[in-house]
């Protein structure tokens, strides 16, 4: 990805995160195809500094299922690479912020969730996966209690 494109994406993400936070999710709370959006904060895999990005999610098994689609790009998005290295994270869903456990789904569990939850609700994700030439990774973010 070019440096200019990377800077534009970074600036756009920062603006989206700021608007979501300030509005309690009223602005930026829904993405393309009506997918609901949360803010995900995980430590950067190299720096350890908190990184926040807005990502679409699906309700799944009492948690939030997120897809590392990158809009069909051939590379896994940076936010998912960071998520893959984290065992815990923080999400903001609307006005509520909470800690979550992170679990990357694999094998048949991943395939079933992708087909029966993600593609069933937003068929465009199936097209993204085909376009990307890779299996879209999924992570389940489960709220921690106590």
N, C-alpha and C. Protein backbone atom coordinates (compact mmCIF):
# COMPACT_ATOMS: atom_id res chain seq x y z
N UNK A 1 0.86 -1.17 0.00
CA UNK A 1 0.00 0.00 0.00
C UNK A 1 0.90 1.23 0.00
N UNK A 2 0.53 2.23 -0.78
CA UNK A 2 1.33 3.44 -0.85
C UNK A 2 1.26 4.21 0.46
N UNK A 3 2.29 5.02 0.70
CA UNK A 3 2.35 5.82 1.92
C UNK A 3 1.18 6.79 1.99
N UNK A 4 0.83 7.41 0.87
CA UNK A 4 -0.29 8.36 0.84
C UNK A 4 -1.59 7.66 1.19
N UNK A 5 -1.83 6.50 0.58
CA UNK A 5 -3.06 5.75 0.85
C UNK A 5 -3.11 5.33 2.32
N UNK A 6 -1.98 4.90 2.85
CA UNK A 6 -1.91 4.49 4.26
C UNK A 6 -2.24 5.67 5.18
N UNK A 7 -1.69 6.84 4.88
CA UNK A 7 -1.97 8.03 5.70
C UNK A 7 -3.45 8.41 5.63
N UNK A 8 -4.02 8.34 4.44
CA UNK A 8 -5.44 8.66 4.29
C UNK A 8 -6.31 7.70 5.09
N UNK A 9 -5.98 6.42 5.05
CA UNK A 9 -6.75 5.43 5.81
C UNK A 9 -6.60 5.68 7.31
N UNK A 10 -5.39 6.00 7.75
CA UNK A 10 -5.14 6.28 9.16
C UNK A 10 -5.94 7.50 9.62
N UNK A 11 -5.93 8.55 8.81
CA UNK A 11 -6.67 9.78 9.15
C UNK A 11 -8.17 9.51 9.17
N UNK A 12 -8.66 8.77 8.19
CA UNK A 12 -10.08 8.44 8.15
C UNK A 12 -10.50 7.62 9.35
N UNK A 13 -9.66 6.65 9.75
CA UNK A 13 -9.96 5.84 10.93
C UNK A 13 -9.99 6.71 12.18
N UNK A 14 -9.01 7.59 12.33
CA UNK A 14 -8.95 8.45 13.52
C UNK A 14 -10.20 9.34 13.60
N UNK A 15 -10.64 9.87 12.48
CA UNK A 15 -11.84 10.70 12.46
C UNK A 15 -13.07 9.87 12.82
N UNK A 16 -13.19 8.69 12.22
CA UNK A 16 -14.32 7.83 12.52
C UNK A 16 -14.38 7.42 13.98
N UNK A 17 -13.23 7.07 14.56
CA UNK A 17 -13.16 6.69 15.97
C UNK A 17 -13.58 7.86 16.85
N UNK A 18 -13.08 9.05 16.54
CA UNK A 18 -13.41 10.23 17.33
C UNK A 18 -14.91 10.53 17.30
N UNK A 19 -15.50 10.48 16.11
CA UNK A 19 -16.94 10.75 15.98
C UNK A 19 -17.77 9.71 16.73
N UNK A 20 -17.38 8.45 16.61
CA UNK A 20 -18.08 7.36 17.29
C UNK A 20 -18.02 7.59 18.81
N UNK A 21 -16.81 7.85 19.32
CA UNK A 21 -16.65 8.05 20.77
C UNK A 21 -17.48 9.22 21.28
N UNK A 22 -17.38 10.34 20.59
CA UNK A 22 -18.07 11.55 21.04
C UNK A 22 -19.58 11.44 20.96
N UNK A 23 -20.07 10.63 20.04
CA UNK A 23 -21.52 10.52 19.87
C UNK A 23 -22.09 9.28 20.54
N UNK A 24 -21.25 8.49 21.21
CA UNK A 24 -21.72 7.25 21.82
C UNK A 24 -22.22 6.26 20.79
N UNK A 25 -21.63 6.30 19.60
CA UNK A 25 -21.99 5.37 18.54
C UNK A 25 -23.13 5.80 17.66
N UNK A 26 -23.74 6.96 17.95
CA UNK A 26 -24.82 7.44 17.08
C UNK A 26 -24.29 7.81 15.69
N UNK A 27 -23.05 8.32 15.65
CA UNK A 27 -22.39 8.58 14.37
C UNK A 27 -21.35 7.48 14.18
N UNK A 28 -21.45 6.76 13.08
CA UNK A 28 -20.51 5.69 12.79
C UNK A 28 -20.89 4.35 13.37
N UNK A 29 -22.07 4.24 13.95
CA UNK A 29 -22.49 2.99 14.57
C UNK A 29 -22.99 1.93 13.60
N UNK A 30 -23.13 2.32 12.33
CA UNK A 30 -23.55 1.36 11.30
C UNK A 30 -22.68 1.56 10.07
N UNK A 31 -22.29 0.44 9.47
CA UNK A 31 -21.47 0.49 8.27
C UNK A 31 -22.25 0.07 7.04
N UNK A 32 -21.53 -0.23 6.00
CA UNK A 32 -22.13 -0.66 4.73
C UNK A 32 -22.98 -1.90 4.95
N UNK A 33 -24.09 -1.96 4.28
CA UNK A 33 -24.97 -3.12 4.39
C UNK A 33 -25.69 -3.21 5.72
N UNK A 34 -25.65 -2.12 6.51
CA UNK A 34 -26.34 -2.12 7.79
C UNK A 34 -25.61 -2.84 8.90
N UNK A 35 -24.36 -3.22 8.66
CA UNK A 35 -23.57 -3.91 9.69
C UNK A 35 -23.35 -2.95 10.86
N UNK A 36 -23.60 -3.44 12.06
CA UNK A 36 -23.33 -2.62 13.25
C UNK A 36 -21.83 -2.52 13.47
N UNK A 37 -21.41 -1.40 14.05
CA UNK A 37 -19.99 -1.12 14.22
C UNK A 37 -19.67 -0.90 15.70
N UNK A 38 -18.53 -1.42 16.12
CA UNK A 38 -18.00 -1.17 17.46
C UNK A 38 -16.59 -0.61 17.32
N UNK A 39 -16.08 -0.05 18.41
CA UNK A 39 -14.68 0.35 18.45
C UNK A 39 -13.91 -0.74 19.18
N UNK A 40 -12.84 -1.19 18.56
CA UNK A 40 -12.00 -2.23 19.13
C UNK A 40 -10.64 -1.63 19.46
N UNK A 41 -10.21 -1.80 20.72
CA UNK A 41 -8.90 -1.32 21.14
C UNK A 41 -8.07 -2.51 21.60
N UNK A 42 -6.93 -2.71 20.93
CA UNK A 42 -5.99 -3.77 21.28
C UNK A 42 -4.58 -3.19 21.26
N UNK A 43 -3.65 -3.82 21.99
CA UNK A 43 -2.26 -3.35 21.93
C UNK A 43 -1.68 -3.63 20.54
N UNK A 44 -0.88 -2.69 20.05
CA UNK A 44 -0.17 -2.93 18.80
C UNK A 44 0.78 -4.10 18.97
N UNK A 45 0.89 -4.94 17.98
CA UNK A 45 1.69 -6.16 18.12
C UNK A 45 3.19 -5.88 18.21
N UNK A 46 3.64 -4.74 17.72
CA UNK A 46 5.06 -4.40 17.82
C UNK A 46 5.34 -3.38 18.92
N UNK A 47 4.43 -2.41 19.09
CA UNK A 47 4.67 -1.32 20.04
C UNK A 47 4.06 -1.56 21.41
N UNK A 48 2.99 -2.35 21.45
CA UNK A 48 2.27 -2.54 22.71
C UNK A 48 1.36 -1.37 23.05
N UNK A 49 1.37 -0.32 22.22
CA UNK A 49 0.52 0.84 22.46
C UNK A 49 -0.91 0.54 22.03
N UNK A 50 -1.90 1.10 22.72
CA UNK A 50 -3.29 0.82 22.35
C UNK A 50 -3.61 1.36 20.96
N UNK A 51 -4.28 0.54 20.18
CA UNK A 51 -4.70 0.90 18.82
C UNK A 51 -6.21 0.70 18.74
N UNK A 52 -6.93 1.70 18.28
CA UNK A 52 -8.39 1.62 18.20
C UNK A 52 -8.82 1.76 16.76
N UNK A 53 -9.74 0.91 16.36
CA UNK A 53 -10.32 0.98 15.03
C UNK A 53 -11.80 0.64 15.10
N UNK A 54 -12.54 1.18 14.17
CA UNK A 54 -13.97 0.87 14.05
C UNK A 54 -14.11 -0.36 13.16
N UNK A 55 -14.82 -1.38 13.66
CA UNK A 55 -15.02 -2.61 12.89
C UNK A 55 -16.48 -3.05 12.97
N UNK A 56 -16.94 -3.65 11.90
CA UNK A 56 -18.28 -4.22 11.89
C UNK A 56 -18.30 -5.48 12.74
N UNK A 57 -19.47 -5.77 13.29
CA UNK A 57 -19.58 -6.97 14.12
C UNK A 57 -20.94 -7.62 13.95
N UNK A 58 -20.98 -8.90 14.37
CA UNK A 58 -22.19 -9.70 14.36
C UNK A 58 -22.34 -10.30 15.75
N UNK A 59 -23.56 -10.34 16.27
CA UNK A 59 -23.81 -11.01 17.54
C UNK A 59 -23.57 -12.51 17.34
N UNK A 60 -22.84 -13.10 18.28
CA UNK A 60 -22.52 -14.52 18.14
C UNK A 60 -22.14 -15.08 19.51
N UNK A 61 -22.83 -16.11 19.95
CA UNK A 61 -22.52 -16.84 21.18
C UNK A 61 -22.26 -15.91 22.37
N UNK A 62 -23.11 -14.90 22.52
CA UNK A 62 -22.99 -13.99 23.65
C UNK A 62 -21.88 -12.97 23.52
N UNK A 63 -21.27 -12.88 22.34
CA UNK A 63 -20.19 -11.93 22.13
C UNK A 63 -20.32 -11.23 20.79
N UNK A 64 -19.22 -10.71 20.33
CA UNK A 64 -19.16 -9.94 19.10
C UNK A 64 -18.20 -10.62 18.13
N UNK A 65 -18.71 -11.01 16.98
CA UNK A 65 -17.91 -11.67 15.96
C UNK A 65 -17.42 -10.62 14.99
N UNK A 66 -16.10 -10.51 14.81
CA UNK A 66 -15.53 -9.54 13.88
C UNK A 66 -14.77 -10.27 12.78
N UNK A 67 -14.76 -9.66 11.59
CA UNK A 67 -14.19 -10.27 10.40
C UNK A 67 -13.02 -9.43 9.90
N UNK A 68 -11.88 -10.05 9.69
CA UNK A 68 -10.71 -9.36 9.14
C UNK A 68 -10.78 -9.33 7.63
N UNK A 69 -11.78 -8.62 7.09
CA UNK A 69 -11.99 -8.63 5.65
C UNK A 69 -11.10 -7.63 4.91
N UNK A 70 -10.89 -6.48 5.50
CA UNK A 70 -10.11 -5.46 4.80
C UNK A 70 -10.76 -5.08 3.48
N UNK A 71 -12.09 -5.23 3.41
CA UNK A 71 -12.79 -4.87 2.17
C UNK A 71 -12.40 -5.72 0.98
N UNK A 72 -11.86 -6.92 1.25
CA UNK A 72 -11.47 -7.81 0.16
C UNK A 72 -10.01 -7.67 -0.26
N UNK A 73 -9.23 -6.94 0.52
CA UNK A 73 -7.79 -6.82 0.20
C UNK A 73 -7.12 -8.17 0.36
N UNK A 74 -6.02 -8.37 -0.35
CA UNK A 74 -5.33 -9.66 -0.29
C UNK A 74 -4.58 -9.87 1.03
N UNK A 75 -4.28 -8.79 1.75
CA UNK A 75 -3.59 -8.90 3.03
C UNK A 75 -4.57 -8.77 4.19
N UNK A 76 -4.27 -9.51 5.25
CA UNK A 76 -5.05 -9.37 6.48
C UNK A 76 -4.86 -7.95 7.03
N UNK A 77 -5.92 -7.28 7.45
CA UNK A 77 -5.76 -5.91 7.96
C UNK A 77 -4.92 -5.87 9.24
N UNK A 78 -4.20 -4.75 9.40
CA UNK A 78 -3.34 -4.58 10.57
C UNK A 78 -4.11 -4.76 11.88
N UNK A 79 -5.35 -4.23 11.95
CA UNK A 79 -6.10 -4.33 13.20
C UNK A 79 -6.33 -5.79 13.56
N UNK A 80 -6.51 -6.66 12.54
CA UNK A 80 -6.72 -8.07 12.86
C UNK A 80 -5.41 -8.73 13.29
N UNK A 81 -4.31 -8.34 12.69
CA UNK A 81 -3.01 -8.87 13.12
C UNK A 81 -2.76 -8.54 14.59
N UNK A 82 -3.11 -7.32 14.98
CA UNK A 82 -2.98 -6.94 16.39
C UNK A 82 -3.92 -7.76 17.26
N UNK A 83 -5.15 -7.93 16.79
CA UNK A 83 -6.16 -8.70 17.54
C UNK A 83 -5.71 -10.15 17.71
N UNK A 84 -5.11 -10.71 16.67
CA UNK A 84 -4.64 -12.10 16.70
C UNK A 84 -3.61 -12.31 17.81
N UNK A 85 -2.83 -11.29 18.13
CA UNK A 85 -1.78 -11.39 19.15
C UNK A 85 -2.31 -11.11 20.56
N UNK A 86 -3.54 -10.61 20.66
CA UNK A 86 -4.09 -10.20 21.96
C UNK A 86 -4.96 -11.30 22.55
N UNK A 87 -4.91 -11.44 23.86
CA UNK A 87 -5.84 -12.37 24.52
C UNK A 87 -7.03 -11.60 25.10
N UNK A 88 -6.82 -10.30 25.29
CA UNK A 88 -7.88 -9.42 25.80
C UNK A 88 -7.86 -8.12 25.01
N UNK A 89 -9.00 -7.45 25.04
CA UNK A 89 -9.14 -6.18 24.33
C UNK A 89 -10.22 -5.38 25.03
N UNK A 90 -10.51 -4.22 24.48
CA UNK A 90 -11.61 -3.40 24.98
C UNK A 90 -12.46 -3.03 23.78
N UNK A 91 -13.77 -3.05 23.97
CA UNK A 91 -14.68 -2.63 22.91
C UNK A 91 -15.59 -1.53 23.44
N UNK A 92 -15.99 -0.67 22.53
CA UNK A 92 -17.06 0.27 22.82
C UNK A 92 -18.17 -0.05 21.84
N UNK A 93 -19.32 -0.40 22.39
CA UNK A 93 -20.50 -0.72 21.60
C UNK A 93 -21.53 0.33 21.96
N UNK A 94 -21.79 1.26 21.03
CA UNK A 94 -22.63 2.40 21.36
C UNK A 94 -21.95 3.18 22.46
N UNK A 95 -22.67 3.54 23.52
CA UNK A 95 -22.04 4.31 24.59
C UNK A 95 -21.31 3.45 25.63
N UNK A 96 -21.46 2.12 25.55
CA UNK A 96 -20.91 1.22 26.57
C UNK A 96 -19.51 0.72 26.20
N UNK A 97 -18.57 0.82 27.15
CA UNK A 97 -17.21 0.31 26.97
C UNK A 97 -17.01 -0.86 27.92
N UNK A 98 -16.42 -1.96 27.40
CA UNK A 98 -16.22 -3.12 28.25
C UNK A 98 -15.02 -3.93 27.81
N UNK A 99 -14.40 -4.64 28.77
CA UNK A 99 -13.29 -5.53 28.43
C UNK A 99 -13.83 -6.83 27.83
N UNK A 100 -13.05 -7.39 26.91
CA UNK A 100 -13.45 -8.64 26.26
C UNK A 100 -12.27 -9.59 26.16
N UNK A 101 -12.58 -10.87 26.15
CA UNK A 101 -11.60 -11.91 25.83
C UNK A 101 -11.60 -12.06 24.31
N UNK A 102 -10.45 -12.34 23.74
CA UNK A 102 -10.31 -12.50 22.29
C UNK A 102 -10.02 -13.95 21.98
N UNK A 103 -10.78 -14.50 21.05
CA UNK A 103 -10.51 -15.87 20.58
C UNK A 103 -10.68 -15.89 19.06
N UNK A 104 -9.60 -16.25 18.35
CA UNK A 104 -9.66 -16.37 16.90
C UNK A 104 -10.26 -17.72 16.56
N UNK A 105 -11.29 -17.72 15.72
CA UNK A 105 -11.94 -18.97 15.32
C UNK A 105 -11.14 -19.63 14.21
N UNK A 106 -11.07 -20.95 14.25
CA UNK A 106 -10.31 -21.70 13.24
C UNK A 106 -11.11 -22.90 12.76
N UNK A 107 -10.64 -23.48 11.68
CA UNK A 107 -11.18 -24.73 11.16
C UNK A 107 -12.68 -24.69 10.90
N UNK A 108 -13.35 -25.82 11.18
CA UNK A 108 -14.78 -25.91 10.92
C UNK A 108 -15.60 -24.86 11.69
N UNK A 109 -15.16 -24.52 12.90
CA UNK A 109 -15.89 -23.50 13.66
C UNK A 109 -15.88 -22.17 12.91
N UNK A 110 -14.73 -21.80 12.39
CA UNK A 110 -14.61 -20.56 11.62
C UNK A 110 -15.48 -20.63 10.36
N UNK A 111 -15.39 -21.74 9.64
CA UNK A 111 -16.13 -21.88 8.39
C UNK A 111 -17.64 -21.81 8.61
N UNK A 112 -18.12 -22.46 9.65
CA UNK A 112 -19.55 -22.44 9.97
C UNK A 112 -20.00 -21.04 10.35
N UNK A 113 -19.26 -20.38 11.20
CA UNK A 113 -19.62 -19.02 11.62
C UNK A 113 -19.59 -18.06 10.43
N UNK A 114 -18.61 -18.20 9.57
CA UNK A 114 -18.53 -17.32 8.39
C UNK A 114 -19.75 -17.52 7.50
N UNK A 115 -20.07 -18.76 7.21
CA UNK A 115 -21.19 -19.08 6.32
C UNK A 115 -22.55 -18.76 6.95
N UNK A 116 -22.76 -19.25 8.18
CA UNK A 116 -24.09 -19.18 8.80
C UNK A 116 -24.40 -17.86 9.49
N UNK A 117 -23.39 -17.09 9.83
CA UNK A 117 -23.62 -15.81 10.50
C UNK A 117 -23.27 -14.65 9.58
N UNK A 118 -22.01 -14.60 9.16
CA UNK A 118 -21.53 -13.45 8.41
C UNK A 118 -22.16 -13.37 7.02
N UNK A 119 -21.94 -14.39 6.20
CA UNK A 119 -22.46 -14.36 4.82
C UNK A 119 -23.98 -14.43 4.80
N UNK A 120 -24.57 -15.15 5.75
CA UNK A 120 -26.04 -15.23 5.80
C UNK A 120 -26.65 -13.85 6.03
N UNK A 121 -25.98 -13.00 6.82
CA UNK A 121 -26.50 -11.67 7.10
C UNK A 121 -26.05 -10.62 6.09
N UNK A 122 -24.82 -10.75 5.61
CA UNK A 122 -24.29 -9.78 4.64
C UNK A 122 -23.54 -10.56 3.55
N UNK A 123 -24.27 -10.95 2.49
CA UNK A 123 -23.66 -11.76 1.42
C UNK A 123 -22.40 -11.15 0.80
N UNK A 124 -22.25 -9.83 0.88
CA UNK A 124 -21.07 -9.16 0.32
C UNK A 124 -19.77 -9.72 0.89
N UNK A 125 -19.79 -10.22 2.12
CA UNK A 125 -18.57 -10.77 2.71
C UNK A 125 -18.09 -12.00 1.95
N UNK A 126 -18.99 -12.78 1.41
CA UNK A 126 -18.58 -13.92 0.58
C UNK A 126 -17.85 -13.46 -0.66
N UNK A 127 -18.31 -12.35 -1.23
CA UNK A 127 -17.63 -11.77 -2.40
C UNK A 127 -16.26 -11.22 -2.01
N UNK A 128 -16.17 -10.58 -0.84
CA UNK A 128 -14.89 -10.06 -0.36
C UNK A 128 -13.88 -11.20 -0.24
N UNK A 129 -14.33 -12.31 0.34
CA UNK A 129 -13.42 -13.44 0.53
C UNK A 129 -12.94 -13.97 -0.82
N UNK A 130 -13.85 -14.12 -1.77
CA UNK A 130 -13.46 -14.58 -3.10
C UNK A 130 -12.48 -13.64 -3.77
N UNK A 131 -12.74 -12.35 -3.65
CA UNK A 131 -11.88 -11.32 -4.25
C UNK A 131 -10.48 -11.32 -3.62
N UNK A 132 -10.42 -11.57 -2.32
CA UNK A 132 -9.15 -11.46 -1.60
C UNK A 132 -8.20 -12.63 -1.88
N UNK A 133 -8.76 -13.79 -2.22
CA UNK A 133 -7.93 -14.97 -2.42
C UNK A 133 -7.43 -15.58 -1.12
N UNK A 134 -8.06 -15.22 0.00
CA UNK A 134 -7.66 -15.75 1.30
C UNK A 134 -8.91 -16.04 2.13
N UNK A 135 -8.75 -16.84 3.13
CA UNK A 135 -9.83 -17.10 4.07
C UNK A 135 -9.91 -15.93 5.03
N UNK A 136 -11.08 -15.31 5.15
CA UNK A 136 -11.24 -14.16 6.04
C UNK A 136 -11.19 -14.65 7.49
N UNK A 137 -10.27 -14.10 8.30
CA UNK A 137 -10.20 -14.53 9.70
C UNK A 137 -11.35 -13.95 10.52
N UNK A 138 -11.76 -14.71 11.51
CA UNK A 138 -12.82 -14.29 12.43
C UNK A 138 -12.30 -14.33 13.86
N UNK A 139 -12.73 -13.36 14.67
CA UNK A 139 -12.41 -13.38 16.09
C UNK A 139 -13.70 -13.17 16.86
N UNK A 140 -13.83 -13.89 17.95
CA UNK A 140 -14.97 -13.73 18.84
C UNK A 140 -14.49 -12.94 20.05
N UNK A 141 -15.16 -11.82 20.31
CA UNK A 141 -14.85 -10.95 21.44
C UNK A 141 -15.94 -11.16 22.47
N UNK A 142 -15.59 -11.81 23.56
CA UNK A 142 -16.57 -12.18 24.58
C UNK A 142 -16.41 -11.28 25.80
N UNK A 143 -17.50 -10.58 26.20
CA UNK A 143 -17.42 -9.70 27.38
C UNK A 143 -16.96 -10.45 28.62
N UNK A 144 -16.07 -9.80 29.37
CA UNK A 144 -15.58 -10.34 30.63
C UNK A 144 -16.44 -9.79 31.76
N UNK A 145 -16.74 -10.62 32.72
CA UNK A 145 -17.55 -10.18 33.85
C UNK A 145 -16.67 -10.05 35.09
N UNK A 146 -17.15 -9.25 36.05
CA UNK A 146 -16.43 -9.11 37.30
C UNK A 146 -15.36 -8.10 37.19
